[in-house]
N, C-alpha and C. Protein backbone atom coordinates (compact mmCIF):
# COMPACT_ATOMS: atom_id res chain seq x y z
N MET A 1 70.19 161.70 165.15
CA MET A 1 69.72 160.30 164.73
C MET A 1 69.41 160.21 163.30
N MET A 2 68.37 161.46 163.05
CA MET A 2 68.01 161.21 161.56
C MET A 2 69.18 161.57 160.41
N ALA A 3 70.22 162.61 160.81
CA ALA A 3 71.12 162.51 160.10
C ALA A 3 71.97 161.18 159.79
N ARG A 4 72.11 160.65 160.60
CA ARG A 4 72.88 159.42 160.63
C ARG A 4 71.96 158.16 159.82
N THR A 5 70.73 158.25 160.00
CA THR A 5 70.01 157.32 159.25
C THR A 5 70.22 157.75 157.74
N CYS A 6 70.24 159.07 157.28
CA CYS A 6 70.09 159.21 156.31
C CYS A 6 71.34 159.06 155.55
N THR A 7 72.50 159.43 156.10
CA THR A 7 73.78 159.04 156.10
C THR A 7 73.89 157.27 155.46
N SER A 8 73.53 156.47 156.37
CA SER A 8 73.29 155.11 156.27
C SER A 8 72.80 154.75 154.92
N LEU A 9 71.35 155.36 154.88
CA LEU A 9 70.66 155.03 153.48
C LEU A 9 71.59 155.32 152.33
N PHE A 10 72.13 156.46 152.39
CA PHE A 10 72.82 156.93 151.23
C PHE A 10 74.29 156.07 151.01
N LEU A 11 74.56 155.79 151.91
CA LEU A 11 76.01 154.92 151.64
C LEU A 11 75.47 153.57 151.22
N ALA A 12 74.17 152.95 151.81
CA ALA A 12 73.69 151.80 151.42
C ALA A 12 73.35 151.95 150.04
N ALA A 13 72.83 152.96 149.26
CA ALA A 13 72.26 153.30 148.02
C ALA A 13 73.52 153.29 146.99
N VAL A 14 74.61 154.04 147.58
CA VAL A 14 75.94 154.09 146.71
C VAL A 14 76.62 152.52 146.81
N ALA A 15 76.54 152.01 147.77
CA ALA A 15 77.20 150.55 147.63
C ALA A 15 76.25 149.46 146.58
N ALA A 16 75.10 149.84 146.60
CA ALA A 16 74.13 148.92 145.71
C ALA A 16 74.40 149.30 144.37
N ALA A 17 74.57 150.58 144.02
CA ALA A 17 74.83 151.20 142.78
C ALA A 17 76.16 150.62 142.17
N LEU A 18 77.54 150.75 142.98
CA LEU A 18 78.48 150.40 142.81
C LEU A 18 78.64 148.51 142.12
N VAL A 19 77.76 147.95 143.11
CA VAL A 19 77.60 146.67 142.94
C VAL A 19 77.12 146.17 141.27
N LEU A 20 76.07 147.02 141.10
CA LEU A 20 75.19 147.08 139.91
C LEU A 20 75.90 147.41 138.78
N ALA A 21 76.93 148.47 138.94
CA ALA A 21 77.93 148.87 137.81
C ALA A 21 78.90 148.08 137.46
N VAL A 22 79.17 147.01 138.39
CA VAL A 22 80.38 146.35 137.91
C VAL A 22 80.06 145.04 137.13
N PRO A 23 80.49 145.06 135.75
CA PRO A 23 80.31 144.21 134.77
C PRO A 23 80.49 142.57 135.21
N SER A 24 79.40 141.92 134.70
CA SER A 24 79.55 140.48 135.35
C SER A 24 80.69 139.65 134.58
N LEU A 25 81.39 138.75 135.06
CA LEU A 25 82.26 137.99 134.63
C LEU A 25 81.93 137.61 133.25
N ALA A 26 82.96 137.50 132.11
CA ALA A 26 82.61 136.94 131.03
C ALA A 26 82.88 135.15 131.02
N GLY A 27 83.57 134.93 131.75
CA GLY A 27 83.97 133.52 132.01
C GLY A 27 83.88 132.87 133.21
N ASP A 28 84.74 131.94 133.70
CA ASP A 28 84.71 131.27 134.83
C ASP A 28 85.04 132.08 136.02
N PRO A 29 84.78 132.06 137.58
CA PRO A 29 85.56 132.79 138.02
C PRO A 29 86.99 132.51 138.43
N ASP A 30 87.56 133.50 138.76
CA ASP A 30 89.08 133.46 139.25
C ASP A 30 89.37 132.25 140.40
N TYR A 31 90.83 131.62 140.00
CA TYR A 31 90.75 130.49 140.88
C TYR A 31 91.62 131.00 141.99
N LEU A 32 91.55 130.48 143.11
CA LEU A 32 92.26 130.80 144.52
C LEU A 32 93.69 130.28 144.77
N GLN A 33 94.03 129.24 143.83
CA GLN A 33 95.24 128.40 144.11
C GLN A 33 95.98 128.24 142.74
N ASP A 34 96.91 127.61 142.95
CA ASP A 34 98.00 127.31 141.70
C ASP A 34 97.51 126.43 140.74
N ILE A 35 96.93 125.19 141.52
CA ILE A 35 96.26 124.16 140.78
C ILE A 35 95.21 123.51 141.57
N CYS A 36 94.34 122.95 140.84
CA CYS A 36 92.81 122.29 141.31
C CYS A 36 92.55 121.25 140.64
N VAL A 37 93.23 119.99 140.51
CA VAL A 37 93.00 118.78 139.21
C VAL A 37 92.06 118.35 139.80
N ALA A 38 90.76 118.48 138.65
CA ALA A 38 89.51 117.70 138.96
C ALA A 38 89.70 116.26 139.64
N ASP A 39 88.95 115.71 140.51
CA ASP A 39 88.33 114.63 140.84
C ASP A 39 87.23 114.28 140.28
N LEU A 40 87.43 113.55 138.96
CA LEU A 40 86.16 113.13 138.38
C LEU A 40 85.37 112.30 138.80
N SER A 41 85.72 111.61 139.70
CA SER A 41 85.29 110.21 140.42
C SER A 41 84.51 110.74 141.72
N SER A 42 84.89 111.72 142.24
CA SER A 42 84.24 112.13 143.38
C SER A 42 82.62 112.14 143.33
N GLU A 43 81.74 111.96 144.26
CA GLU A 43 80.55 111.96 144.18
C GLU A 43 79.78 113.44 144.96
N LEU A 44 80.70 114.32 145.26
CA LEU A 44 80.45 115.52 145.71
C LEU A 44 80.21 116.43 144.64
N LYS A 45 79.27 116.95 144.89
CA LYS A 45 78.68 117.90 143.73
C LYS A 45 78.83 119.31 143.84
N LEU A 46 79.36 120.30 143.09
CA LEU A 46 79.59 121.67 143.25
C LEU A 46 79.71 122.32 142.14
N ASN A 47 79.94 123.59 142.15
CA ASN A 47 79.96 124.39 140.74
C ASN A 47 81.72 124.24 140.57
N GLY A 48 81.83 123.11 139.82
CA GLY A 48 83.08 122.81 139.22
C GLY A 48 83.39 121.38 139.61
N PHE A 49 84.38 121.23 139.98
CA PHE A 49 84.72 119.85 140.28
C PHE A 49 85.79 119.81 141.71
N PRO A 50 85.69 119.15 142.73
CA PRO A 50 86.59 119.14 143.92
C PRO A 50 87.98 118.58 143.37
N CYS A 51 89.31 119.21 143.99
CA CYS A 51 90.32 118.92 143.71
C CYS A 51 91.07 117.66 144.22
N LYS A 52 91.48 116.76 143.55
CA LYS A 52 92.07 115.52 143.95
C LYS A 52 93.48 115.65 144.59
N ALA A 53 93.85 114.71 145.36
CA ALA A 53 94.92 114.84 146.31
C ALA A 53 95.91 115.05 145.53
N ASN A 54 96.55 114.10 144.74
CA ASN A 54 97.97 113.83 144.15
C ASN A 54 97.66 114.02 142.53
N ALA A 55 98.13 115.18 142.22
CA ALA A 55 98.11 115.63 140.80
C ALA A 55 99.67 115.08 140.06
N THR A 56 99.57 114.83 138.86
CA THR A 56 100.78 114.76 137.90
C THR A 56 100.73 115.46 136.55
N ALA A 57 101.55 115.50 136.11
CA ALA A 57 101.81 116.27 134.64
C ALA A 57 100.76 115.62 133.85
N GLU A 58 100.55 114.25 133.86
CA GLU A 58 99.68 113.65 132.85
C GLU A 58 98.12 114.16 133.11
N ASP A 59 97.84 114.84 134.19
CA ASP A 59 96.56 115.68 134.38
C ASP A 59 96.55 116.92 133.72
N PHE A 60 97.43 117.31 133.06
CA PHE A 60 97.60 118.58 132.18
C PHE A 60 97.53 118.66 130.83
N PHE A 61 97.76 117.30 130.62
CA PHE A 61 98.01 116.69 128.98
C PHE A 61 96.95 115.79 128.30
N SER A 62 96.80 116.05 126.93
CA SER A 62 95.93 115.38 126.26
C SER A 62 96.30 115.30 124.91
N GLY A 63 96.17 114.00 124.01
CA GLY A 63 96.69 114.15 122.58
C GLY A 63 95.54 113.91 121.94
N VAL A 64 94.48 114.31 122.52
CA VAL A 64 92.61 113.96 121.88
C VAL A 64 92.70 114.94 120.76
N LEU A 65 93.05 116.18 120.42
CA LEU A 65 92.80 116.96 119.30
C LEU A 65 94.08 116.66 118.51
N ALA A 66 94.89 115.74 118.32
CA ALA A 66 95.72 115.48 117.43
C ALA A 66 95.51 115.11 115.91
N LYS A 67 94.46 114.08 116.15
CA LYS A 67 94.11 113.39 114.96
C LYS A 67 92.47 113.85 114.53
N PRO A 68 92.03 113.79 113.10
CA PRO A 68 90.66 114.38 112.79
C PRO A 68 89.89 113.30 113.54
N GLY A 69 88.66 113.67 113.78
CA GLY A 69 87.39 113.02 114.01
C GLY A 69 86.71 112.46 112.83
N ALA A 70 86.00 111.42 113.25
CA ALA A 70 85.30 110.87 112.14
C ALA A 70 83.90 111.61 111.84
N THR A 71 83.69 112.08 110.59
CA THR A 71 82.73 112.91 110.33
C THR A 71 81.73 112.25 109.50
N ASN A 72 81.69 110.78 109.71
CA ASN A 72 80.31 110.11 109.08
C ASN A 72 79.03 110.32 109.89
N THR A 73 78.70 111.37 110.10
CA THR A 73 77.71 111.73 111.21
C THR A 73 76.36 112.24 110.32
N THR A 74 75.31 112.33 111.09
CA THR A 74 74.10 113.03 110.28
C THR A 74 74.34 114.30 109.64
N SER A 75 75.14 115.22 110.23
CA SER A 75 75.42 116.63 109.63
C SER A 75 76.79 116.54 109.20
N GLY A 76 77.24 115.57 109.12
CA GLY A 76 78.71 115.64 108.50
C GLY A 76 79.76 116.44 109.38
N SER A 77 79.83 116.64 110.63
CA SER A 77 80.80 117.00 111.22
C SER A 77 80.82 116.54 112.80
N VAL A 78 81.95 116.71 113.17
CA VAL A 78 82.19 115.81 114.83
C VAL A 78 83.06 116.99 115.58
N VAL A 79 82.41 117.13 116.83
CA VAL A 79 83.34 117.95 117.77
C VAL A 79 84.03 117.12 118.78
N THR A 80 85.34 117.34 118.91
CA THR A 80 86.44 116.56 119.78
C THR A 80 86.71 117.41 121.11
N GLY A 81 86.06 117.32 122.12
CA GLY A 81 86.51 118.41 123.12
C GLY A 81 87.68 117.88 124.16
N ALA A 82 88.63 119.16 124.45
CA ALA A 82 89.49 119.13 125.30
C ALA A 82 89.37 119.95 126.69
N ASN A 83 88.16 119.63 127.20
CA ASN A 83 87.79 120.41 128.27
C ASN A 83 88.12 119.66 129.55
N VAL A 84 87.35 120.11 130.89
CA VAL A 84 87.97 119.72 132.28
C VAL A 84 87.58 118.02 132.29
N GLU A 85 86.41 117.68 131.52
CA GLU A 85 86.28 116.22 131.70
C GLU A 85 87.23 115.26 130.88
N LYS A 86 88.12 116.08 129.86
CA LYS A 86 89.31 115.23 129.26
C LYS A 86 90.56 115.78 129.90
N VAL A 87 90.77 116.83 130.40
CA VAL A 87 91.97 117.26 130.82
C VAL A 87 91.74 117.83 132.02
N PRO A 88 91.90 117.04 133.15
CA PRO A 88 91.38 117.34 134.48
C PRO A 88 92.12 118.38 135.18
N GLY A 89 93.42 119.02 134.68
CA GLY A 89 94.27 120.03 134.92
C GLY A 89 93.57 121.31 134.75
N LEU A 90 92.44 121.23 133.83
CA LEU A 90 92.14 122.69 133.43
C LEU A 90 90.81 123.08 134.78
N ASN A 91 90.60 122.38 135.65
CA ASN A 91 89.61 122.54 136.66
C ASN A 91 90.14 124.10 137.32
N THR A 92 89.34 124.94 137.29
CA THR A 92 89.43 126.34 138.10
C THR A 92 90.26 127.24 137.14
N LEU A 93 90.47 126.70 135.88
CA LEU A 93 91.65 127.47 135.06
C LEU A 93 90.94 128.41 134.06
N GLY A 94 89.62 127.90 133.70
CA GLY A 94 88.61 128.71 132.96
C GLY A 94 88.96 129.01 131.45
N VAL A 95 89.70 127.76 130.87
CA VAL A 95 90.02 127.67 129.58
C VAL A 95 89.83 126.33 129.00
N SER A 96 89.50 126.21 127.73
CA SER A 96 89.23 124.72 127.24
C SER A 96 89.36 124.92 125.48
N LEU A 97 89.63 123.98 125.08
CA LEU A 97 89.54 123.58 123.28
C LEU A 97 88.76 122.69 123.12
N SER A 98 88.37 122.75 121.73
CA SER A 98 87.77 121.64 120.93
C SER A 98 88.59 121.69 119.59
N ARG A 99 88.49 120.57 118.86
CA ARG A 99 88.58 120.50 117.63
C ARG A 99 87.55 120.11 116.78
N ILE A 100 87.17 120.65 115.80
CA ILE A 100 85.86 120.40 114.87
C ILE A 100 86.10 119.92 113.46
N ASP A 101 86.12 118.92 113.20
CA ASP A 101 86.05 118.35 111.62
C ASP A 101 84.93 118.29 110.92
N TYR A 102 85.00 118.64 109.72
CA TYR A 102 83.94 118.96 109.00
C TYR A 102 84.09 117.98 107.41
N ALA A 103 83.17 117.22 107.14
CA ALA A 103 83.36 116.51 105.74
C ALA A 103 83.12 117.46 104.78
N PRO A 104 83.25 117.59 103.41
CA PRO A 104 82.84 118.26 102.33
C PRO A 104 81.21 118.52 102.71
N GLY A 105 80.66 119.97 102.79
CA GLY A 105 79.63 120.18 102.93
C GLY A 105 79.07 120.05 104.18
N GLY A 106 80.02 119.62 105.30
CA GLY A 106 79.19 119.32 106.49
C GLY A 106 79.12 120.50 107.17
N LEU A 107 78.17 120.21 108.21
CA LEU A 107 77.59 121.30 109.13
C LEU A 107 77.84 121.01 110.65
N ASN A 108 78.27 122.22 111.27
CA ASN A 108 78.03 122.19 112.67
C ASN A 108 76.76 122.98 113.09
N PRO A 109 75.72 122.18 113.42
CA PRO A 109 74.41 122.88 113.35
C PRO A 109 74.30 124.10 114.43
N PRO A 110 73.31 125.02 114.12
CA PRO A 110 73.05 126.04 115.01
C PRO A 110 73.19 125.62 116.55
N HIS A 111 74.13 126.34 117.30
CA HIS A 111 73.94 126.13 118.71
C HIS A 111 74.26 127.15 119.51
N THR A 112 74.46 126.94 120.67
CA THR A 112 75.07 128.14 121.83
C THR A 112 75.89 127.46 122.81
N HIS A 113 76.67 128.29 123.37
CA HIS A 113 77.58 127.87 124.46
C HIS A 113 77.34 128.80 125.81
N PRO A 114 76.56 128.14 126.61
CA PRO A 114 75.68 129.21 127.42
C PRO A 114 76.92 129.61 128.54
N ARG A 115 78.15 129.34 128.67
CA ARG A 115 79.04 129.38 129.71
C ARG A 115 80.39 129.98 129.08
N ALA A 116 80.37 130.23 127.89
CA ALA A 116 81.57 130.52 127.08
C ALA A 116 81.57 131.25 125.87
N THR A 117 82.67 132.33 125.44
CA THR A 117 82.66 132.95 124.15
C THR A 117 83.63 131.95 123.36
N GLU A 118 83.43 131.88 122.23
CA GLU A 118 84.18 131.00 121.43
C GLU A 118 85.00 131.62 120.45
N VAL A 119 86.30 131.13 120.17
CA VAL A 119 87.16 131.90 119.05
C VAL A 119 87.51 130.61 118.36
N VAL A 120 87.46 130.39 117.02
CA VAL A 120 87.71 129.45 115.95
C VAL A 120 88.86 130.01 115.34
N PHE A 121 89.79 128.80 115.04
CA PHE A 121 91.01 128.98 114.03
C PHE A 121 91.23 127.76 113.15
N VAL A 122 91.09 128.51 112.07
CA VAL A 122 90.81 127.21 110.83
C VAL A 122 92.27 126.58 110.53
N LEU A 123 92.31 125.41 110.82
CA LEU A 123 93.47 124.71 110.76
C LEU A 123 93.71 124.31 108.62
N TYR A 124 92.47 124.14 108.36
CA TYR A 124 92.29 124.07 106.92
C TYR A 124 90.78 123.90 106.40
N GLY A 125 90.91 124.30 105.17
CA GLY A 125 89.62 124.15 104.38
C GLY A 125 89.00 125.53 104.53
N GLU A 126 87.70 125.62 104.13
CA GLU A 126 86.93 127.00 103.93
C GLU A 126 85.60 126.79 104.37
N LEU A 127 85.02 127.71 105.44
CA LEU A 127 83.79 127.58 106.25
C LEU A 127 83.01 128.93 106.03
N ASP A 128 81.56 128.56 105.89
CA ASP A 128 80.75 129.59 106.22
C ASP A 128 80.44 129.90 107.83
N VAL A 129 80.63 130.91 108.19
CA VAL A 129 80.24 130.79 109.84
C VAL A 129 79.60 132.50 110.36
N GLY A 130 78.81 131.91 111.25
CA GLY A 130 78.09 133.13 111.53
C GLY A 130 77.26 132.99 113.04
N PHE A 131 76.91 134.20 113.63
CA PHE A 131 76.04 134.13 114.82
C PHE A 131 75.26 135.15 114.68
N ILE A 132 74.02 135.04 115.36
CA ILE A 132 72.97 135.81 115.52
C ILE A 132 72.68 136.56 116.69
N THR A 133 72.49 137.88 116.84
CA THR A 133 72.12 138.48 117.86
C THR A 133 70.99 138.35 118.49
N THR A 134 70.68 138.79 119.68
CA THR A 134 69.26 138.75 120.11
C THR A 134 68.34 139.86 119.59
N ALA A 135 68.77 140.66 118.55
CA ALA A 135 67.84 141.29 117.93
C ALA A 135 67.81 140.62 116.29
N ASN A 136 68.02 139.41 116.29
CA ASN A 136 67.95 138.73 115.08
C ASN A 136 68.64 139.17 113.83
N LYS A 137 70.03 139.73 114.33
CA LYS A 137 70.83 140.18 113.36
C LYS A 137 71.89 139.25 112.91
N LEU A 138 72.52 138.71 111.58
CA LEU A 138 73.40 137.66 111.40
C LEU A 138 74.61 138.49 111.24
N PHE A 139 75.64 137.87 111.79
CA PHE A 139 76.94 138.41 111.36
C PHE A 139 77.73 137.19 110.78
N ALA A 140 77.81 137.09 109.71
CA ALA A 140 78.30 136.00 109.00
C ALA A 140 79.52 136.33 108.01
N LYS A 141 80.55 135.39 107.79
CA LYS A 141 81.57 135.70 107.12
C LYS A 141 82.22 134.04 106.58
N THR A 142 82.77 134.23 105.39
CA THR A 142 83.54 133.24 104.91
C THR A 142 84.91 133.21 105.35
N ILE A 143 85.42 131.96 106.13
CA ILE A 143 86.97 132.15 106.43
C ILE A 143 87.70 130.86 105.84
N THR A 144 89.04 131.19 105.85
CA THR A 144 89.67 129.83 105.52
C THR A 144 90.97 129.82 106.06
N GLN A 145 92.01 128.95 105.81
CA GLN A 145 92.84 128.37 106.62
C GLN A 145 93.75 129.59 107.40
N GLY A 146 93.99 129.82 108.37
CA GLY A 146 94.75 130.67 109.24
C GLY A 146 93.81 131.77 109.94
N ASP A 147 92.60 131.67 109.32
CA ASP A 147 91.74 132.86 109.89
C ASP A 147 90.74 132.41 111.29
N VAL A 148 90.60 133.47 112.04
CA VAL A 148 90.03 133.69 113.26
C VAL A 148 88.86 134.32 113.07
N PHE A 149 87.65 133.66 113.82
CA PHE A 149 86.18 134.36 113.96
C PHE A 149 85.83 133.74 115.62
N ALA A 150 85.07 134.87 115.99
CA ALA A 150 84.59 134.58 117.58
C ALA A 150 83.29 134.67 117.32
N PHE A 151 82.72 133.86 118.66
CA PHE A 151 81.35 133.89 118.54
C PHE A 151 80.86 134.30 120.02
N PRO A 152 80.50 135.22 120.22
CA PRO A 152 79.99 135.97 121.67
C PRO A 152 79.27 134.56 122.31
N ARG A 153 79.39 134.70 123.75
CA ARG A 153 79.06 133.93 124.67
C ARG A 153 77.33 133.85 124.35
N GLY A 154 76.60 132.45 124.63
CA GLY A 154 75.34 132.62 124.46
C GLY A 154 74.60 132.70 123.20
N LEU A 155 75.20 133.32 122.36
CA LEU A 155 74.56 133.56 121.02
C LEU A 155 74.64 132.36 120.25
N VAL A 156 73.41 132.15 119.32
CA VAL A 156 73.42 131.11 118.49
C VAL A 156 74.34 130.94 117.38
N HIS A 157 74.81 130.31 116.85
CA HIS A 157 75.98 130.27 115.84
C HIS A 157 76.39 129.13 115.14
N PHE A 158 76.82 129.01 113.91
CA PHE A 158 76.94 127.82 113.13
C PHE A 158 78.35 127.71 112.22
N GLN A 159 78.91 126.46 111.67
CA GLN A 159 79.77 126.66 110.89
C GLN A 159 79.11 125.71 109.74
N LYS A 160 79.69 125.92 108.48
CA LYS A 160 79.33 124.99 107.54
C LYS A 160 80.56 124.85 106.53
N ASN A 161 81.02 123.92 106.12
CA ASN A 161 82.22 123.41 105.24
C ASN A 161 81.31 123.49 103.78
N THR A 162 81.97 125.03 102.99
CA THR A 162 81.29 124.95 101.69
C THR A 162 82.43 124.56 100.57
N GLY A 163 83.40 123.77 101.01
CA GLY A 163 84.18 123.51 100.20
C GLY A 163 84.31 121.94 99.95
N ASP A 164 84.94 121.42 98.40
CA ASP A 164 85.00 119.84 98.43
C ASP A 164 85.73 118.95 98.83
N LYS A 165 86.62 119.66 99.90
CA LYS A 165 87.52 118.87 100.62
C LYS A 165 87.03 118.97 102.18
N PRO A 166 87.62 118.37 103.22
CA PRO A 166 87.30 118.28 104.49
C PRO A 166 88.08 119.31 105.14
N ALA A 167 87.56 119.91 106.24
CA ALA A 167 87.77 121.18 106.72
C ALA A 167 88.21 120.88 108.32
N ALA A 168 88.75 121.82 108.98
CA ALA A 168 88.85 121.64 110.56
C ALA A 168 89.21 122.73 111.13
N VAL A 169 88.66 123.14 112.34
CA VAL A 169 89.20 124.24 113.27
C VAL A 169 89.34 123.69 114.65
N ILE A 170 90.27 124.73 115.42
CA ILE A 170 90.43 124.45 116.62
C ILE A 170 89.53 125.69 117.31
N SER A 171 88.98 125.31 118.31
CA SER A 171 88.13 125.99 118.88
C SER A 171 88.72 126.61 120.57
N ALA A 172 88.53 127.78 120.85
CA ALA A 172 89.13 128.15 122.12
C ALA A 172 87.78 128.75 122.98
N PHE A 173 87.95 128.42 124.36
CA PHE A 173 86.77 129.00 125.32
C PHE A 173 87.47 129.33 126.44
N ASN A 174 86.46 130.59 126.96
CA ASN A 174 87.03 130.89 128.23
C ASN A 174 86.08 130.32 129.47
N SER A 175 86.24 128.89 129.24
CA SER A 175 85.51 128.44 130.35
C SER A 175 85.87 126.97 130.08
N GLN A 176 86.06 126.26 131.47
CA GLN A 176 86.67 124.77 131.56
C GLN A 176 85.91 124.01 130.97
N LEU A 177 84.46 124.35 131.06
CA LEU A 177 83.24 123.55 130.30
C LEU A 177 82.33 124.33 129.72
N PRO A 178 82.35 124.59 128.60
CA PRO A 178 81.36 125.81 127.90
C PRO A 178 80.17 125.21 127.89
N GLY A 179 79.74 124.02 127.89
CA GLY A 179 78.33 123.52 127.42
C GLY A 179 77.96 123.66 126.01
N THR A 180 77.27 123.00 125.38
CA THR A 180 76.74 123.13 124.41
C THR A 180 75.28 122.72 124.05
N GLN A 181 74.54 123.74 123.86
CA GLN A 181 72.99 123.35 123.37
C GLN A 181 72.82 123.52 122.07
N SER A 182 72.44 122.48 121.35
CA SER A 182 71.85 122.21 119.66
C SER A 182 70.72 122.62 119.93
N ILE A 183 70.42 123.62 118.76
CA ILE A 183 68.91 124.21 119.28
C ILE A 183 67.83 123.01 118.74
N ALA A 184 68.14 122.43 117.38
CA ALA A 184 67.25 121.58 116.86
C ALA A 184 67.16 120.13 118.18
N MET A 185 68.10 120.03 118.32
CA MET A 185 68.17 118.50 119.70
C MET A 185 67.55 119.13 121.04
N THR A 186 67.83 120.21 121.26
CA THR A 186 67.30 120.51 122.74
C THR A 186 65.74 120.93 122.47
N LEU A 187 65.12 121.16 121.30
CA LEU A 187 64.03 121.38 121.27
C LEU A 187 62.82 120.08 120.73
N PHE A 188 63.72 119.42 120.00
CA PHE A 188 62.98 118.18 119.46
C PHE A 188 63.26 116.87 119.91
N GLY A 189 64.49 116.89 120.83
CA GLY A 189 65.25 115.79 121.07
C GLY A 189 65.21 115.64 122.84
N ALA A 190 64.37 116.50 123.39
CA ALA A 190 64.18 116.76 124.96
C ALA A 190 63.71 115.74 125.56
N SER A 191 64.01 115.12 126.80
CA SER A 191 63.32 114.16 127.40
C SER A 191 63.30 114.59 129.00
N PRO A 192 61.94 114.63 129.42
CA PRO A 192 60.61 114.64 129.04
C PRO A 192 60.59 115.41 127.47
N GLU A 193 59.74 115.11 126.80
CA GLU A 193 59.53 115.74 125.27
C GLU A 193 58.86 116.95 125.83
N VAL A 194 59.32 118.10 124.90
CA VAL A 194 58.36 119.27 124.84
C VAL A 194 57.35 119.07 124.03
N PRO A 195 56.20 119.53 124.80
CA PRO A 195 54.98 119.34 124.09
C PRO A 195 54.84 119.53 122.67
N ASP A 196 53.98 118.62 121.70
CA ASP A 196 53.88 118.73 120.29
C ASP A 196 52.89 120.26 120.34
N ASP A 197 52.28 120.50 121.03
CA ASP A 197 51.60 121.93 120.44
C ASP A 197 52.49 123.06 120.88
N VAL A 198 53.51 123.29 121.75
CA VAL A 198 54.38 124.15 121.92
C VAL A 198 55.15 124.29 120.73
N LEU A 199 55.62 123.03 120.39
CA LEU A 199 56.32 123.38 119.09
C LEU A 199 55.87 123.85 117.78
N ALA A 200 54.38 123.07 117.64
CA ALA A 200 53.88 123.34 116.50
C ALA A 200 53.17 125.03 116.54
N LYS A 201 53.05 125.42 117.67
CA LYS A 201 52.99 126.92 117.73
C LYS A 201 53.94 127.79 117.60
N ALA A 202 55.20 127.31 118.28
CA ALA A 202 56.36 128.02 118.12
C ALA A 202 56.83 128.10 116.60
N PHE A 203 56.76 127.16 115.91
CA PHE A 203 57.33 126.94 114.46
C PHE A 203 56.52 127.04 113.48
N GLN A 204 55.08 127.10 113.85
CA GLN A 204 54.04 127.72 112.88
C GLN A 204 53.79 126.39 111.86
N ILE A 205 53.79 125.38 112.39
CA ILE A 205 53.63 123.77 111.47
C ILE A 205 52.66 123.12 112.58
N GLY A 206 52.24 122.29 111.80
CA GLY A 206 51.42 121.07 112.33
C GLY A 206 52.05 119.78 113.07
N THR A 207 51.36 119.43 114.23
CA THR A 207 51.77 118.48 115.00
C THR A 207 52.25 117.30 114.06
N GLU A 208 51.61 116.81 112.99
CA GLU A 208 52.33 115.60 112.31
C GLU A 208 53.79 116.08 112.18
N GLU A 209 53.87 117.16 111.66
CA GLU A 209 55.30 117.80 111.25
C GLU A 209 56.28 117.70 112.37
N VAL A 210 55.70 118.12 113.78
CA VAL A 210 56.36 117.90 114.96
C VAL A 210 56.70 116.43 115.25
N ASP A 211 55.97 115.62 114.96
CA ASP A 211 56.47 114.27 115.37
C ASP A 211 57.33 113.62 114.18
N LYS A 212 57.14 114.04 113.03
CA LYS A 212 58.09 113.42 112.30
C LYS A 212 59.60 114.04 112.52
N ILE A 213 59.62 115.49 112.80
CA ILE A 213 61.04 115.95 113.31
C ILE A 213 61.64 115.26 114.66
N LYS A 214 60.67 114.94 115.30
CA LYS A 214 61.04 114.43 116.78
C LYS A 214 61.60 112.89 116.43
N THR A 215 60.99 112.36 115.42
CA THR A 215 61.51 110.89 115.13
C THR A 215 63.14 111.04 114.92
N LYS A 216 63.50 112.08 114.14
CA LYS A 216 64.81 112.17 113.91
C LYS A 216 65.78 112.49 114.85
N PHE A 217 65.16 113.08 115.89
CA PHE A 217 66.13 113.12 116.98
C PHE A 217 65.97 112.79 118.26
N ALA A 218 65.09 111.48 118.02
CA ALA A 218 64.75 110.43 119.33
C ALA A 218 66.17 109.88 119.59
N PRO A 219 66.44 109.74 121.14
CA PRO A 219 67.65 109.00 121.61
C PRO A 219 67.70 107.58 120.79
N LYS A 220 68.99 107.57 120.62
CA LYS A 220 69.23 105.99 120.09
C LYS A 220 69.20 104.82 120.99
N SER A 221 68.60 103.72 120.86
CA SER A 221 68.58 102.79 122.03
C SER A 221 69.67 101.92 122.07
């Protein structure tokens, strides 16, 4: 009996070690069928979207990235997504695209994608790009038309148009809905608000400065 118990414990320990040794998936889980077009109108909540009954070719198509977006924004850039919310056929496929357009001097502010690694391909223009590791090391480079640059999943990154002409990139993600957290907007535009004393201590500034910054990120009525 003792030998059996020891053997069982040993096998359980081995099984646990194997589970811990398997690397986690870098993108969305594998799908279990050919297609599962998202039913965006469904009230059912799950990790992804339920499948709709009748799929068509239109569910797998979008022309949303064909034209430049309007860059007359505060940051001078605009992101146009082609994710599962725009292309329902991407549901369960674990991929999506975006187009980012930049005015001269335009910035895609520091942000993260919690569910995906991003790869950008420069359509035209010149950009300074970079990401920061959890050890606070910056990996930065200037990229131009035809170049590719990768931003690892979850790490803070940015792009800035350094030229005097418009620039644009196509971004690819290994997620149907990568999510975006803009660092400034997340901290200073949250609802309910992040307490002033928390932000003041974190950024080593006064609460008056915090309030001034918050007014710049307040939701538009």
